[in-house]
N, C-alpha and C. Protein backbone atom coordinates (compact mmCIF):
# COMPACT_ATOMS: atom_id res chain seq x y z
N MET A 1 -74.86 38.99 -73.45
CA MET A 1 -74.42 38.17 -72.98
C MET A 1 -74.03 36.68 -73.03
N ARG A 2 -75.15 36.27 -74.34
CA ARG A 2 -74.40 35.37 -74.96
C ARG A 2 -72.51 35.25 -75.39
N GLN A 3 -72.42 36.08 -75.26
CA GLN A 3 -70.78 36.22 -75.47
C GLN A 3 -70.02 36.18 -74.41
N LEU A 4 -70.34 36.48 -72.98
CA LEU A 4 -70.55 36.37 -71.30
C LEU A 4 -70.59 34.88 -71.69
N PHE A 5 -71.84 34.15 -71.62
CA PHE A 5 -71.47 32.60 -71.52
C PHE A 5 -70.59 31.45 -72.48
N SER A 6 -70.44 32.22 -73.81
CA SER A 6 -69.40 31.42 -74.52
C SER A 6 -68.48 31.64 -73.75
N ARG A 7 -67.53 32.89 -73.40
CA ARG A 7 -66.51 33.09 -72.78
C ARG A 7 -66.37 32.40 -71.15
N LEU A 8 -67.48 31.79 -70.88
CA LEU A 8 -67.52 31.67 -69.10
C LEU A 8 -66.99 29.89 -69.52
N PRO A 9 -67.66 29.67 -70.76
CA PRO A 9 -66.25 28.29 -69.98
C PRO A 9 -65.12 28.02 -70.04
N VAL A 10 -64.83 29.12 -70.99
CA VAL A 10 -63.02 29.47 -72.01
C VAL A 10 -62.18 29.96 -70.30
N LEU A 11 -63.04 30.69 -69.66
CA LEU A 11 -62.36 31.41 -68.21
C LEU A 11 -62.59 30.52 -67.25
N VAL A 12 -63.07 29.92 -66.98
CA VAL A 12 -63.32 29.21 -65.79
C VAL A 12 -61.65 28.27 -66.52
N LEU A 13 -62.19 26.90 -67.22
CA LEU A 13 -61.44 26.39 -67.87
C LEU A 13 -59.65 27.26 -67.54
N ALA A 14 -59.66 28.74 -67.93
CA ALA A 14 -58.60 28.98 -67.46
C ALA A 14 -57.99 29.29 -66.19
N ILE A 15 -59.31 29.98 -65.14
CA ILE A 15 -59.25 29.88 -63.94
C ILE A 15 -58.63 28.14 -63.75
N ALA A 16 -59.17 27.37 -64.27
CA ALA A 16 -59.06 25.69 -63.66
C ALA A 16 -57.52 25.72 -64.11
N VAL A 17 -56.88 25.70 -65.05
CA VAL A 17 -55.64 25.18 -64.98
C VAL A 17 -54.33 26.56 -64.44
N ALA A 18 -54.99 27.73 -64.31
CA ALA A 18 -54.11 28.69 -63.55
C ALA A 18 -53.78 27.80 -62.13
N GLY A 19 -55.12 27.42 -61.06
CA GLY A 19 -55.14 26.35 -60.32
C GLY A 19 -53.95 25.45 -60.07
N CYS A 20 -54.36 24.65 -61.53
CA CYS A 20 -53.66 23.17 -61.16
C CYS A 20 -52.62 23.68 -61.64
N ALA A 21 -51.83 24.73 -62.30
CA ALA A 21 -50.09 25.06 -62.72
C ALA A 21 -49.83 25.43 -61.13
N SER A 22 -50.36 26.15 -60.32
CA SER A 22 -50.62 27.18 -58.95
C SER A 22 -50.02 25.71 -57.91
N GLN A 23 -50.80 24.63 -58.32
CA GLN A 23 -51.35 23.76 -57.44
C GLN A 23 -49.95 22.63 -57.99
N GLY A 24 -49.90 22.81 -59.51
CA GLY A 24 -48.50 21.22 -59.64
C GLY A 24 -47.13 22.17 -59.31
N ALA A 25 -46.83 23.74 -59.10
CA ALA A 25 -45.87 24.45 -59.28
C ALA A 25 -45.55 24.00 -57.13
N GLN A 26 -46.55 24.20 -56.37
CA GLN A 26 -46.73 24.05 -55.16
C GLN A 26 -45.47 22.60 -55.15
N GLN A 27 -46.20 21.45 -55.69
CA GLN A 27 -46.23 20.62 -56.27
C GLN A 27 -44.59 19.58 -56.22
N ALA A 28 -43.85 21.22 -56.82
CA ALA A 28 -42.80 21.02 -57.65
C ALA A 28 -41.77 21.37 -56.69
N ALA A 29 -42.32 23.19 -55.53
CA ALA A 29 -41.64 23.49 -54.57
C ALA A 29 -41.37 22.34 -53.22
N GLN A 30 -42.32 21.26 -53.39
CA GLN A 30 -42.40 20.69 -52.19
C GLN A 30 -41.43 19.76 -52.58
N ALA A 31 -41.68 19.45 -53.57
CA ALA A 31 -40.66 18.63 -54.32
C ALA A 31 -39.34 18.45 -54.10
N GLU A 32 -38.83 19.77 -54.84
CA GLU A 32 -37.51 20.30 -54.22
C GLU A 32 -37.71 20.50 -53.43
N ALA A 33 -37.83 20.97 -51.97
CA ALA A 33 -37.68 20.60 -50.70
C ALA A 33 -37.37 19.27 -50.19
N ALA A 34 -38.38 18.30 -49.99
CA ALA A 34 -38.03 17.27 -50.22
C ALA A 34 -36.60 16.57 -50.38
N ALA A 35 -36.72 17.16 -51.87
CA ALA A 35 -34.97 16.47 -52.15
C ALA A 35 -34.34 17.28 -51.62
N ALA A 36 -33.93 18.39 -51.40
CA ALA A 36 -33.50 19.02 -50.31
C ALA A 36 -32.98 18.56 -49.38
N LYS A 37 -33.62 18.06 -48.67
CA LYS A 37 -33.68 17.47 -47.20
C LYS A 37 -32.85 16.06 -47.04
N ALA A 38 -33.65 15.87 -48.39
CA ALA A 38 -32.76 13.78 -48.82
C ALA A 38 -31.22 13.74 -48.79
N ASP A 39 -30.63 15.40 -49.89
CA ASP A 39 -29.64 15.32 -50.20
C ASP A 39 -28.92 15.56 -48.20
N GLN A 40 -29.49 16.43 -47.80
CA GLN A 40 -29.02 16.58 -46.74
C GLN A 40 -28.88 15.14 -45.71
N ALA A 41 -29.97 15.33 -45.68
CA ALA A 41 -29.93 13.52 -44.50
C ALA A 41 -28.23 12.68 -45.66
N ALA A 42 -28.74 12.68 -46.61
CA ALA A 42 -27.55 11.68 -48.07
C ALA A 42 -26.02 12.54 -47.04
N ALA A 43 -25.75 13.39 -46.83
CA ALA A 43 -24.51 14.26 -46.41
C ALA A 43 -24.52 13.80 -44.92
N HIS A 44 -25.33 14.30 -44.13
CA HIS A 44 -25.41 13.61 -42.72
C HIS A 44 -25.32 12.25 -42.99
N ALA A 45 -25.87 11.02 -43.42
CA ALA A 45 -25.67 9.39 -43.46
C ALA A 45 -23.94 9.48 -44.03
N GLU A 46 -23.54 10.63 -44.83
CA GLU A 46 -22.10 9.93 -44.99
C GLU A 46 -21.18 10.69 -44.26
N GLN A 47 -21.18 11.63 -43.57
CA GLN A 47 -20.71 12.28 -42.59
C GLN A 47 -20.03 10.88 -41.18
N SER A 48 -21.46 10.82 -41.06
CA SER A 48 -21.62 9.54 -39.75
C SER A 48 -21.05 8.15 -40.07
N ALA A 49 -21.13 7.77 -41.25
CA ALA A 49 -20.53 6.71 -41.79
C ALA A 49 -19.20 6.88 -42.09
N ALA A 50 -18.21 8.25 -42.26
CA ALA A 50 -16.69 8.65 -42.20
C ALA A 50 -16.49 8.62 -40.95
N GLN A 51 -17.27 9.45 -40.50
CA GLN A 51 -17.01 8.41 -38.43
C GLN A 51 -16.65 7.59 -37.64
N ALA A 52 -18.28 6.35 -38.24
CA ALA A 52 -17.73 5.28 -37.42
C ALA A 52 -16.52 4.53 -38.62
N THR A 53 -16.54 5.19 -39.52
CA THR A 53 -15.14 4.05 -39.82
C THR A 53 -13.68 4.76 -39.37
N GLU A 54 -13.43 5.78 -39.37
CA GLU A 54 -12.67 6.39 -38.63
C GLU A 54 -12.30 5.52 -36.79
N ALA A 55 -14.23 5.40 -36.01
CA ALA A 55 -13.61 4.81 -35.02
C ALA A 55 -13.42 3.43 -35.19
N ALA A 56 -14.16 3.04 -35.81
CA ALA A 56 -13.59 1.10 -35.66
C ALA A 56 -12.01 1.20 -36.32
N ASN A 57 -11.81 1.87 -37.57
CA ASN A 57 -10.07 1.54 -38.14
C ASN A 57 -9.48 2.38 -35.81
N LYS A 58 -9.54 3.15 -35.16
CA LYS A 58 -8.82 3.13 -33.95
C LYS A 58 -9.25 2.18 -33.00
N ALA A 59 -11.02 1.79 -32.98
CA ALA A 59 -10.75 0.60 -32.26
C ALA A 59 -10.46 -0.61 -32.43
N THR A 60 -10.00 -1.01 -33.82
CA THR A 60 -8.99 -2.14 -34.23
C THR A 60 -7.40 -2.00 -33.88
N GLU A 61 -7.05 -0.89 -33.62
CA GLU A 61 -5.89 -0.26 -33.39
C GLU A 61 -5.78 -0.46 -32.27
N ALA A 62 -6.71 0.01 -31.56
CA ALA A 62 -6.93 -0.35 -29.67
C ALA A 62 -6.51 -2.00 -29.50
N ALA A 63 -7.48 -2.32 -29.73
CA ALA A 63 -7.56 -4.59 -30.12
C ALA A 63 -6.09 -4.95 -30.55
N GLU A 64 -5.78 -3.94 -31.37
CA GLU A 64 -3.79 -4.25 -31.45
C GLU A 64 -3.02 -4.59 -30.68
N ARG A 65 -2.98 -3.37 -30.21
CA ARG A 65 -2.24 -2.65 -29.30
C ARG A 65 -2.44 -3.73 -28.02
N ALA A 66 -3.46 -3.99 -28.00
CA ALA A 66 -3.92 -4.79 -26.44
C ALA A 66 -3.87 -5.92 -26.12
N THR A 67 -3.73 -6.71 -28.29
CA THR A 67 -2.60 -8.32 -28.35
C THR A 67 -1.60 -8.37 -28.05
N ARG A 68 -0.87 -7.16 -28.94
CA ARG A 68 0.45 -7.16 -28.11
C ARG A 68 1.04 -7.01 -26.29
N ALA A 69 0.01 -6.16 -26.04
CA ALA A 69 0.23 -5.78 -24.77
C ALA A 69 0.05 -7.50 -24.63
N VAL A 70 -0.77 -8.47 -24.07
CA VAL A 70 -1.25 -9.53 -23.89
C VAL A 70 -0.66 -10.57 -24.70
N GLU A 71 0.62 -10.70 -25.23
CA GLU A 71 1.44 -11.50 -26.05
C GLU A 71 3.07 -11.18 -25.45
N ASP A 72 3.22 -10.14 -24.66
CA ASP A 72 4.33 -9.47 -23.98
C ASP A 72 3.88 -9.86 -22.67
N ALA A 73 2.93 -10.08 -21.90
CA ALA A 73 2.65 -10.42 -20.74
C ALA A 73 2.62 -11.74 -20.35
N THR A 74 1.80 -12.62 -21.58
CA THR A 74 2.70 -14.26 -21.92
C THR A 74 3.65 -14.27 -21.82
N ARG A 75 4.44 -13.78 -22.48
CA ARG A 75 5.74 -14.13 -22.88
C ARG A 75 6.79 -13.87 -21.13
N GLU A 76 6.42 -12.80 -21.05
CA GLU A 76 6.99 -12.00 -19.88
C GLU A 76 7.08 -13.45 -18.32
N ILE A 77 5.21 -13.69 -18.55
CA ILE A 77 4.89 -14.33 -17.72
C ILE A 77 5.80 -16.62 -18.12
N ASN A 78 5.97 -16.84 -19.00
CA ASN A 78 6.99 -17.61 -19.64
C ASN A 78 7.75 -17.56 -19.00
N ARG A 79 8.57 -16.54 -19.32
CA ARG A 79 9.91 -16.43 -19.11
C ARG A 79 10.21 -16.38 -17.52
N VAL A 80 9.34 -15.18 -16.56
CA VAL A 80 9.54 -16.02 -14.98
C VAL A 80 8.95 -17.14 -14.60
N ALA A 81 8.02 -17.88 -15.41
CA ALA A 81 7.87 -19.57 -15.10
C ALA A 81 9.02 -20.54 -14.89
N ASP A 82 9.87 -20.31 -16.36
CA ASP A 82 10.59 -20.79 -16.87
C ASP A 82 12.43 -20.60 -15.75
N HIS A 83 12.50 -19.86 -15.07
CA HIS A 83 13.26 -19.09 -14.50
C HIS A 83 13.10 -20.22 -13.00
N LEU A 84 11.86 -20.00 -12.46
CA LEU A 84 11.37 -20.00 -10.72
C LEU A 84 11.69 -21.68 -11.11
N ASP A 85 11.40 -22.32 -12.70
CA ASP A 85 11.15 -23.35 -12.57
C ASP A 85 12.94 -23.82 -12.65
N GLN A 86 13.82 -23.71 -13.54
CA GLN A 86 15.27 -23.72 -13.65
C GLN A 86 16.41 -23.39 -11.43
N MET A 87 15.15 -22.00 -11.29
CA MET A 87 16.35 -22.33 -9.63
C MET A 87 15.37 -22.86 -8.76
N ARG A 88 14.07 -23.73 -9.08
CA ARG A 88 14.15 -25.05 -8.73
C ARG A 88 15.38 -25.65 -8.73
N ARG A 89 14.47 -26.13 -10.00
CA ARG A 89 15.61 -27.31 -10.40
C ARG A 89 17.14 -27.46 -10.00
N ASP A 90 18.12 -26.04 -9.77
CA ASP A 90 18.97 -25.00 -9.55
C ASP A 90 19.13 -26.03 -7.66
N ARG A 91 18.26 -25.80 -6.78
CA ARG A 91 17.87 -25.76 -5.93
C ARG A 91 18.20 -27.15 -5.16
N ALA A 92 17.34 -28.22 -6.14
CA ALA A 92 17.02 -29.23 -5.76
C ALA A 92 18.75 -30.10 -6.33
N ALA A 93 18.53 -29.47 -7.39
CA ALA A 93 20.61 -30.31 -7.59
C ALA A 93 21.48 -30.00 -6.06
N ALA A 94 21.47 -29.16 -5.60
CA ALA A 94 22.68 -28.54 -4.83
C ALA A 94 21.78 -28.67 -3.31
N SER A 95 20.74 -29.27 -3.34
CA SER A 95 20.61 -29.34 -2.03
C SER A 95 21.19 -31.49 -1.70
N HIS A 96 20.43 -31.50 -3.54
CA HIS A 96 20.89 -32.97 -3.84
C HIS A 96 22.22 -33.15 -2.81
N GLY A 97 22.99 -32.49 -3.80
CA GLY A 97 24.34 -32.85 -3.44
C GLY A 97 24.72 -32.20 -2.24
N ARG A 98 24.50 -31.61 -2.11
CA ARG A 98 24.72 -31.32 -0.29
C ARG A 98 24.30 -32.74 0.07
N ARG A 99 23.39 -33.49 0.35
CA ARG A 99 22.78 -34.55 0.82
C ARG A 99 23.92 -35.91 0.65
N ALA A 100 23.90 -35.51 -0.64
CA ALA A 100 24.56 -36.89 -1.49
C ALA A 100 26.29 -36.87 -0.91
N SER A 101 26.98 -35.60 -0.64
CA SER A 101 28.47 -35.61 -0.24
C SER A 101 28.26 -35.62 0.91
N HIS A 102 27.04 -35.25 2.27
CA HIS A 102 27.02 -35.62 3.57
C HIS A 102 26.69 -37.00 3.72
N LEU A 103 26.27 -37.65 3.03
CA LEU A 103 25.68 -39.40 3.35
C LEU A 103 27.05 -39.70 3.28
N THR A 104 27.74 -39.38 1.66
CA THR A 104 28.99 -40.19 1.07
C THR A 104 30.10 -39.97 2.27
N LYS A 105 30.16 -39.00 3.02
CA LYS A 105 31.00 -38.91 4.29
C LYS A 105 30.89 -40.13 4.92
N SER A 106 29.98 -39.79 5.54
CA SER A 106 28.82 -40.49 6.64
C SER A 106 29.34 -42.28 6.41
N ALA A 107 29.04 -42.73 5.43
CA ALA A 107 29.07 -43.96 4.62
C ALA A 107 30.81 -44.13 4.19
N ARG A 108 31.68 -42.74 4.25
CA ARG A 108 32.86 -43.14 3.84
C ARG A 108 33.63 -44.08 5.33
N LYS A 109 33.08 -43.58 6.28
CA LYS A 109 33.85 -43.22 7.88
C LYS A 109 33.41 -44.35 8.17
N ALA A 110 31.73 -44.84 8.40
CA ALA A 110 31.27 -46.03 8.62
C ALA A 110 31.89 -47.27 8.18
N ALA A 111 32.47 -47.31 7.03
CA ALA A 111 33.17 -48.29 6.20
C ALA A 111 34.56 -48.42 6.81
N SER A 112 34.90 -47.26 6.92
CA SER A 112 36.64 -47.79 7.26
C SER A 112 36.86 -48.36 8.98
N PRO A 113 37.86 -49.10 9.03
CA PRO A 113 38.18 -49.83 10.02
C PRO A 113 38.69 -48.76 11.09
N SER A 114 39.03 -48.03 11.47
CA SER A 114 39.41 -47.30 11.88
C SER A 114 37.87 -45.86 12.79
N GLY A 115 37.20 -45.62 12.15
CA GLY A 115 36.22 -45.02 12.38
C GLY A 115 34.88 -45.40 12.42
N ALA A 116 34.43 -46.83 12.77
CA ALA A 116 33.92 -47.71 12.44
C ALA A 116 33.80 -48.85 13.94
N SER A 117 34.33 -48.59 14.20
CA SER A 117 34.50 -49.56 15.28
C SER A 117 33.45 -49.12 16.36
N ALA A 118 32.71 -50.25 17.04
CA ALA A 118 31.77 -49.59 18.33
C ALA A 118 32.31 -50.88 18.88
N SER A 119 32.70 -50.20 20.49
CA SER A 119 32.12 -50.64 21.66
C SER A 119 31.14 -50.72 22.40
N ALA A 120 30.80 -51.87 23.06
CA ALA A 120 29.46 -51.91 24.29
C ALA A 120 30.29 -53.15 25.29
N SER A 121 29.83 -51.81 26.49
CA SER A 121 30.18 -52.30 27.39
C SER A 121 29.18 -53.20 28.57
N ALA A 122 29.42 -53.62 29.45
CA ALA A 122 28.27 -54.03 30.56
C ALA A 122 28.61 -53.11 31.84
N SER A 123 27.49 -52.86 32.23
CA SER A 123 27.85 -51.57 32.45
C SER A 123 27.54 -52.57 34.91
N SER A 124 27.32 -53.95 34.32
CA SER A 124 27.95 -53.95 36.09
C SER A 124 28.78 -55.09 36.03
N GLY A 125 29.40 -56.03 36.72
CA GLY A 125 29.61 -57.07 36.86
C GLY A 125 31.24 -57.28 36.89
N GLY A 126 31.65 -55.90 35.89
CA GLY A 126 32.95 -55.68 34.87
C GLY A 126 33.15 -56.70 34.28
N ALA A 127 31.99 -56.96 33.09
CA ALA A 127 32.10 -57.98 32.13
C ALA A 127 33.35 -56.94 31.38
N PRO A 128 34.31 -58.33 30.17
CA PRO A 128 34.92 -57.43 29.52
C PRO A 128 34.07 -56.51 28.40
N ALA A 129 34.84 -55.47 27.63
CA ALA A 129 33.80 -55.14 26.42
C ALA A 129 33.83 -55.65 25.45
N ALA A 130 32.42 -56.29 24.93
CA ALA A 130 32.72 -56.45 23.40
C ALA A 130 33.07 -55.69 22.17
N GLN A 131 33.39 -55.81 21.43
CA GLN A 131 34.45 -55.30 20.34
C GLN A 131 33.58 -55.23 18.97
N ALA A 132 33.29 -55.02 17.84
CA ALA A 132 32.43 -55.31 16.90
C ALA A 132 33.10 -54.39 15.29
N SER A 133 33.67 -55.56 15.08
CA SER A 133 34.71 -54.12 13.96
C SER A 133 33.62 -54.22 12.20
N ALA A 134 34.81 -53.27 11.78
CA ALA A 134 33.90 -52.71 10.77
C ALA A 134 33.39 -53.28 9.31
N SER A 135 34.47 -54.27 9.82
CA SER A 135 34.68 -54.76 8.14
C SER A 135 32.87 -55.66 7.71
N PRO A 136 32.35 -55.43 6.60
CA PRO A 136 31.70 -55.70 5.83
C PRO A 136 31.24 -57.13 7.03
N ALA A 137 31.97 -57.94 6.53
CA ALA A 137 31.49 -59.00 6.98
C ALA A 137 31.09 -59.27 8.55
N ALA A 138 31.79 -58.44 9.07
CA ALA A 138 31.22 -58.39 10.15
C ALA A 138 30.02 -57.40 11.39
N SER A 139 29.70 -56.34 11.87
CA SER A 139 28.75 -55.90 12.30
C SER A 139 28.93 -54.22 11.55
N ALA A 140 28.75 -53.70 11.20
CA ALA A 140 28.63 -52.40 9.86
C ALA A 140 28.84 -52.65 8.77
N ALA A 141 27.94 -52.11 7.57
CA ALA A 141 28.45 -52.49 6.41
C ALA A 141 27.46 -51.08 5.98
N ALA A 142 28.24 -49.92 4.93
CA ALA A 142 27.13 -48.40 4.78
C ALA A 142 27.99 -49.02 2.77
N SER A 143 26.96 -48.18 2.41
CA SER A 143 27.21 -48.07 0.98
C SER A 143 26.14 -46.90 0.35
N ALA A 144 26.67 -46.43 -0.25
CA ALA A 144 25.50 -44.63 -1.16
C ALA A 144 25.52 -45.64 -2.56
N THR A 145 24.05 -45.66 -2.82
CA THR A 145 23.54 -46.07 -4.40
C THR A 145 23.93 -44.77 -5.07
N SER A 146 23.59 -45.13 -6.92
CA SER A 146 23.39 -43.57 -7.34
C SER A 146 22.56 -42.23 -7.29
N ASP A 147 21.68 -43.36 -6.98
CA ASP A 147 20.89 -41.42 -6.22
C ASP A 147 20.76 -41.20 -4.91
N GLY A 148 21.74 -41.61 -4.38
CA GLY A 148 22.21 -40.48 -2.65
C GLY A 148 21.87 -41.29 -1.65
N VAL A 149 21.12 -42.40 -1.56
CA VAL A 149 20.51 -42.74 -0.60
C VAL A 149 21.54 -43.46 -0.26
N THR A 150 21.29 -43.73 1.29
CA THR A 150 22.61 -44.33 1.90
C THR A 150 21.92 -45.59 2.33
N THR A 151 22.77 -46.67 3.20
CA THR A 151 22.09 -47.85 2.99
C THR A 151 23.41 -48.24 4.80
N SER A 152 22.70 -48.81 5.50
CA SER A 152 23.58 -49.69 6.53
C SER A 152 22.90 -50.52 7.29
N ALA A 153 23.41 -51.45 7.08
CA ALA A 153 23.22 -52.72 8.66
C ALA A 153 24.40 -52.74 9.56
N VAL A 154 23.71 -53.30 10.33
CA VAL A 154 24.55 -53.54 11.35
C VAL A 154 24.06 -54.75 12.00
N ALA A 155 25.70 -55.81 12.24
CA ALA A 155 25.32 -57.16 12.54
C ALA A 155 24.99 -57.11 13.83
N PRO A 156 24.49 -58.34 14.55
CA PRO A 156 24.08 -58.51 16.06
C PRO A 156 25.52 -59.15 16.69
N ALA A 157 25.61 -58.43 18.16
CA ALA A 157 26.84 -59.05 18.24
C ALA A 157 27.29 -60.34 18.76
N PRO A 158 28.16 -61.28 19.15
CA PRO A 158 27.99 -62.37 19.44
C PRO A 158 27.26 -62.08 21.01
N PRO A 159 26.87 -63.50 21.26
CA PRO A 159 26.48 -63.48 22.74
C PRO A 159 27.85 -63.48 23.08
N PRO A 160 27.87 -63.17 24.58
CA PRO A 160 28.61 -62.63 25.49
C PRO A 160 29.65 -64.44 26.30
N GLY A 161 29.49 -65.27 26.18
CA GLY A 161 29.65 -66.44 26.42
C GLY A 161 30.16 -67.13 25.39
N LYS A 162 30.74 -66.55 24.32
CA LYS A 162 31.06 -67.62 22.79
C LYS A 162 32.34 -66.78 22.50
């Protein structure tokens, strides 16, 4: 028995070492499993990063297309606005030209001796008609200014007794 007792600590020690070894093996296996999971997670993260980069590139391209579309639309709006402004200026010039030519014709008629004589007659009593000359010193004067505005002035008729 003595031999058994002397071998018992060695046996216990051997079992303990075997238990530790199996526990170490379990920990090693767990560490390997954790490393495999970490590798999977890293691969998944890398794949997700690649997808995110691709999505960011597509978003950048879409933003660039949108920017170009806005720039094109702005150019078109400016072109149309310039065209409308030119049409307004052309219309104003044409309208001013018609107005000026019409007023110039009227001014010429009023200034000419044959077209500008005015006659006034008395309605009762057979009074003689008063004649007004179209000369600038007499009754009517008309002139067209450089901005197309026509002015005219009519001098009062002399009293009937003079």
